């Protein structure tokens, strides 16, 4: 009877290593999303040493389960001193899933807006992202979603080179019933208070590659991107 050659110890070890690596890759794939308390799922992207959400936040609750006030009426928004959010033009079906929610700064100061293990970035963390993606004069272009599906033309310099996919979610004013700049710019909160005693935020433009930081009134409604702890 012909003997059947058994696999060598080296071959068995190689097969075992391939299986282990395959399992490891699967776990990595599963780790590229994060889910908020509402069950919304967000892709994430690693840029330098930071891990960012690749989509705007749209949770309606803090991560401890506390409901955030949905404020549609202008007088209520103007006088709001507690955490609140809204959808651009009060239209969740048209704007919520794509652009996320607009939050006031009181929601940011809870430190519970992002999913557990994540947080709203500080000025320094935004600046680190800026410096890792081309600097002040180019980072806006490198971080914006390409094309004009959501951004107004010409969407100058947009490459989305890092997968951040910044979208032009606009903003809500603190002292009028106006929403503005959908398709024209985006505005992201930071947790840092600027020299004029207002919180700093990040803005990118449809007609520029600039990554701009400036102060915003605490009552504005702006978008949020979370960064991993």
Protein backbone atom coordinates (compact mmCIF):
# COMPACT_ATOMS: atom_id res chain seq x y z
CA UNK A 1 0.00 0.00 0.00
CA UNK A 2 1.31 3.41 -0.95
CA UNK A 3 2.07 5.65 2.01
CA UNK A 4 0.32 9.03 2.16
CA UNK A 5 2.77 11.85 2.84
CA UNK A 6 1.81 13.78 5.90
CA UNK A 7 2.23 17.56 5.89
CA UNK A 8 5.45 18.76 7.43
CA UNK A 9 5.55 20.63 10.72
CA UNK A 10 6.61 23.77 8.82
CA UNK A 11 3.61 23.52 6.50
CA UNK A 12 1.23 23.03 9.42
CA UNK A 13 2.71 26.05 11.15
CA UNK A 14 2.28 28.13 7.98
CA UNK A 15 -1.37 27.09 7.62
CA UNK A 16 -2.02 27.93 11.27
CA UNK A 17 -0.44 31.37 10.81
CA UNK A 18 -2.62 32.08 7.76
CA UNK A 19 -5.75 31.15 9.72
CA UNK A 20 -4.71 33.38 12.63
CA UNK A 21 -3.98 36.30 10.29
CA UNK A 22 -7.34 35.80 8.58
CA UNK A 23 -9.17 36.00 11.89
CA UNK A 24 -7.17 39.09 12.80
CA UNK A 25 -8.14 40.82 9.55
CA UNK A 26 -11.79 40.08 10.19
CA UNK A 27 -11.60 41.70 13.61
CA UNK A 28 -9.93 44.75 12.10
CA UNK A 29 -12.71 45.07 9.50
CA UNK A 30 -15.32 44.92 12.24
CA UNK A 31 -13.54 47.71 14.10
CA UNK A 32 -13.81 50.31 11.31
CA UNK A 33 -17.25 51.48 12.41
CA UNK A 34 -18.65 53.00 15.60
CA UNK A 35 -22.29 53.03 16.69
CA UNK A 36 -23.98 55.79 18.69
CA UNK A 37 -26.65 55.27 21.35
CA UNK A 38 -29.43 55.69 18.74
CA UNK A 39 -27.96 52.86 16.68
CA UNK A 40 -26.55 55.07 13.92
CA UNK A 41 -23.41 53.52 12.43
CA UNK A 42 -20.43 55.63 11.35
CA UNK A 43 -17.40 54.69 9.31
CA UNK A 44 -14.11 55.77 10.82
CA UNK A 45 -10.78 56.79 9.34
CA UNK A 46 -7.24 56.80 10.77
CA UNK A 47 -5.23 59.93 9.97
CA UNK A 48 -1.80 60.04 11.57
CA UNK A 49 -2.26 58.89 15.16
CA UNK A 50 -5.91 59.97 15.31
CA UNK A 51 -9.08 58.00 14.54
CA UNK A 52 -11.99 60.13 13.33
CA UNK A 53 -15.60 59.53 12.42
CA UNK A 54 -15.96 59.81 8.65
CA UNK A 55 -19.49 61.20 8.89
CA UNK A 56 -21.26 63.94 10.86
CA UNK A 57 -22.84 62.99 14.17
CA UNK A 58 -26.64 62.63 14.29
CA UNK A 59 -27.42 61.23 17.72
CA UNK A 60 -30.51 62.51 19.53
CA UNK A 61 -29.30 61.34 22.94
CA UNK A 62 -26.22 61.73 25.09
CA UNK A 63 -24.23 58.54 25.60
CA UNK A 64 -25.80 58.05 29.04
CA UNK A 65 -29.27 57.88 27.44
CA UNK A 66 -30.34 61.45 28.24
CA UNK A 67 -32.56 62.84 25.48
CA UNK A 68 -31.28 66.02 23.82
CA UNK A 69 -33.97 68.60 23.16
CA UNK A 70 -35.08 68.82 19.53
CA UNK A 71 -35.74 72.52 19.07
CA UNK A 72 -37.50 73.58 15.88
CA UNK A 73 -39.08 76.90 16.85
CA UNK A 74 -36.90 79.96 16.64
CA UNK A 75 -37.82 81.67 19.97
CA UNK A 76 -37.05 78.44 21.81
CA UNK A 77 -33.69 78.08 20.05
CA UNK A 78 -32.67 81.68 20.76
CA UNK A 79 -33.37 81.30 24.49
CA UNK A 80 -31.96 77.79 24.84
CA UNK A 81 -29.34 77.36 27.59
CA UNK A 82 -29.49 73.57 27.76
CA UNK A 83 -28.29 70.94 25.23
CA UNK A 84 -30.25 71.14 21.99
CA UNK A 85 -30.13 70.02 18.39
CA UNK A 86 -32.00 70.53 15.15
CA UNK A 87 -32.01 69.37 11.55
CA UNK A 88 -31.15 71.82 8.79
CA UNK A 89 -34.38 73.58 7.74
CA UNK A 90 -36.16 71.38 10.31
CA UNK A 91 -36.13 68.63 7.70
CA UNK A 92 -34.73 65.40 9.11
CA UNK A 93 -35.72 63.23 6.15
CA UNK A 94 -33.99 65.45 3.59
CA UNK A 95 -30.94 66.52 5.58
CA UNK A 96 -30.47 64.45 8.71
CA UNK A 97 -28.99 61.25 7.32
CA UNK A 98 -26.64 63.04 4.94
CA UNK A 99 -25.47 66.02 6.96
CA UNK A 100 -26.17 64.94 10.54
CA UNK A 101 -27.61 67.16 13.24
CA UNK A 102 -26.73 70.72 14.21
CA UNK A 103 -25.96 71.07 17.93
CA UNK A 104 -25.64 74.08 20.21
CA UNK A 105 -22.54 74.45 22.37
CA UNK A 106 -24.39 73.40 25.53
CA UNK A 107 -24.59 69.92 23.99
CA UNK A 108 -20.81 69.96 23.50
CA UNK A 109 -20.07 70.90 27.11
CA UNK A 110 -21.86 67.81 28.44
CA UNK A 111 -18.81 65.75 27.37
CA UNK A 112 -21.33 62.97 26.61
CA UNK A 113 -22.38 63.82 23.07
CA UNK A 114 -20.13 61.35 21.27
CA UNK A 115 -20.31 57.57 21.70
CA UNK A 116 -18.48 56.18 24.73
CA UNK A 117 -14.76 56.13 23.99
CA UNK A 118 -15.03 59.12 21.66
CA UNK A 119 -15.19 62.90 22.20
CA UNK A 120 -15.66 66.25 20.51
CA UNK A 121 -12.16 67.41 19.49
CA UNK A 122 -10.26 70.28 21.06
CA UNK A 123 -8.55 73.05 19.10
CA UNK A 124 -5.24 71.17 19.41
CA UNK A 125 -6.77 68.01 17.96
CA UNK A 126 -8.24 69.87 15.01
CA UNK A 127 -4.88 71.53 14.43
CA UNK A 128 -3.18 68.15 14.49
CA UNK A 129 -5.59 66.95 11.80
CA UNK A 130 -4.96 70.13 9.80
CA UNK A 131 -1.18 69.72 9.98
CA UNK A 132 -1.40 66.05 8.97
CA UNK A 133 -3.49 66.80 5.88
CA UNK A 134 -1.67 69.65 4.18
CA UNK A 135 -1.76 72.61 6.54
CA UNK A 136 -4.04 75.62 6.71
CA UNK A 137 -3.96 76.45 3.00
CA UNK A 138 -4.65 72.93 1.67
CA UNK A 139 -6.21 70.76 4.37
CA UNK A 140 -9.74 71.92 3.58
CA UNK A 141 -9.44 70.60 0.04
CA UNK A 142 -7.88 67.33 1.16
CA UNK A 143 -10.64 66.72 3.72
CA UNK A 144 -13.71 67.68 1.65
CA UNK A 145 -15.86 65.16 -0.18
CA UNK A 146 -15.08 65.21 -3.89
CA UNK A 147 -17.48 66.43 -6.54
CA UNK A 148 -20.62 68.54 -6.42
CA UNK A 149 -23.24 66.05 -5.28
CA UNK A 150 -23.37 67.84 -1.92
CA UNK A 151 -20.90 70.71 -2.28
CA UNK A 152 -21.75 73.66 -4.51
CA UNK A 153 -19.61 74.11 -7.62
CA UNK A 154 -16.65 74.50 -7.97
CA UNK A 155 -15.77 72.69 -4.71
CA UNK A 156 -12.25 73.99 -5.10
CA UNK A 157 -9.39 71.54 -4.52
CA UNK A 158 -11.58 68.80 -3.06
CA UNK A 159 -9.78 65.42 -3.12
CA UNK A 160 -11.00 63.61 0.03
CA UNK A 161 -7.46 62.24 0.03
CA UNK A 162 -7.74 60.87 3.57
CA UNK A 163 -11.32 59.56 3.58
CA UNK A 164 -12.58 62.21 6.03
CA UNK A 165 -15.38 63.18 3.61
CA UNK A 166 -16.26 66.58 5.05
CA UNK A 167 -19.79 67.62 4.02
CA UNK A 168 -21.28 71.15 3.81
CA UNK A 169 -23.93 70.89 6.51
CA UNK A 170 -24.36 74.64 6.95
CA UNK A 171 -25.38 76.16 10.29
CA UNK A 172 -28.25 77.63 12.31
CA UNK A 173 -27.98 81.18 13.60
CA UNK A 174 -28.36 81.90 17.30
CA UNK A 175 -30.55 84.99 16.99
CA UNK A 176 -32.84 84.48 14.01
CA UNK A 177 -34.91 81.80 12.31
CA UNK A 178 -32.31 81.37 9.60
CA UNK A 179 -30.43 78.30 8.46
CA UNK A 180 -27.60 79.10 6.09
CA UNK A 181 -24.80 77.80 3.89
CA UNK A 182 -25.94 74.25 3.13
CA UNK A 183 -23.72 73.18 0.23
CA UNK A 184 -21.49 76.22 0.76
CA UNK A 185 -19.52 75.50 3.91
CA UNK A 186 -19.28 73.22 6.90
CA UNK A 187 -18.83 74.17 10.52
CA UNK A 188 -17.54 71.81 13.19
CA UNK A 189 -17.45 72.52 16.93
CA UNK A 190 -14.34 72.22 19.05
CA UNK A 191 -14.35 72.18 22.85
CA UNK A 192 -11.87 75.06 23.12
CA UNK A 193 -12.87 78.62 24.08
CA UNK A 194 -11.11 81.30 22.03
CA UNK A 195 -9.65 84.65 23.10
CA UNK A 196 -12.99 86.44 22.53
CA UNK A 197 -14.60 83.99 25.03
CA UNK A 198 -16.55 82.13 22.34
CA UNK A 199 -15.88 78.50 21.38
CA UNK A 200 -13.67 77.79 18.41
CA UNK A 201 -14.86 75.86 15.40
CA UNK A 202 -13.58 74.70 12.03
CA UNK A 203 -14.92 75.90 8.70
CA UNK A 204 -14.26 74.71 5.14
CA UNK A 205 -15.57 76.37 1.98
CA UNK A 206 -16.95 75.33 -1.42
CA UNK A 207 -14.65 77.79 -3.23
CA UNK A 208 -11.43 77.31 -1.29
CA UNK A 209 -8.98 74.73 0.03
CA UNK A 210 -8.52 76.63 3.29
CA UNK A 211 -8.97 74.99 6.69
CA UNK A 212 -10.16 77.90 8.81
CA UNK A 213 -10.60 78.13 12.58
CA UNK A 214 -12.67 80.91 14.10
CA UNK A 215 -14.96 81.65 17.03
CA UNK A 216 -18.69 80.96 16.93
CA UNK A 217 -21.47 82.13 19.21
CA UNK A 218 -22.42 79.43 21.72
CA UNK A 219 -26.00 79.53 20.48
CA UNK A 220 -25.13 78.59 16.90
CA UNK A 221 -26.13 75.21 15.57
CA UNK A 222 -23.06 73.49 14.11
CA UNK A 223 -22.04 70.02 13.00
CA UNK A 224 -19.96 67.61 15.07
CA UNK A 225 -17.23 65.14 14.17
CA UNK A 226 -16.00 62.88 16.96
CA UNK A 227 -12.44 61.68 17.52
CA UNK A 228 -11.48 58.55 19.39
CA UNK A 229 -10.08 58.84 22.93
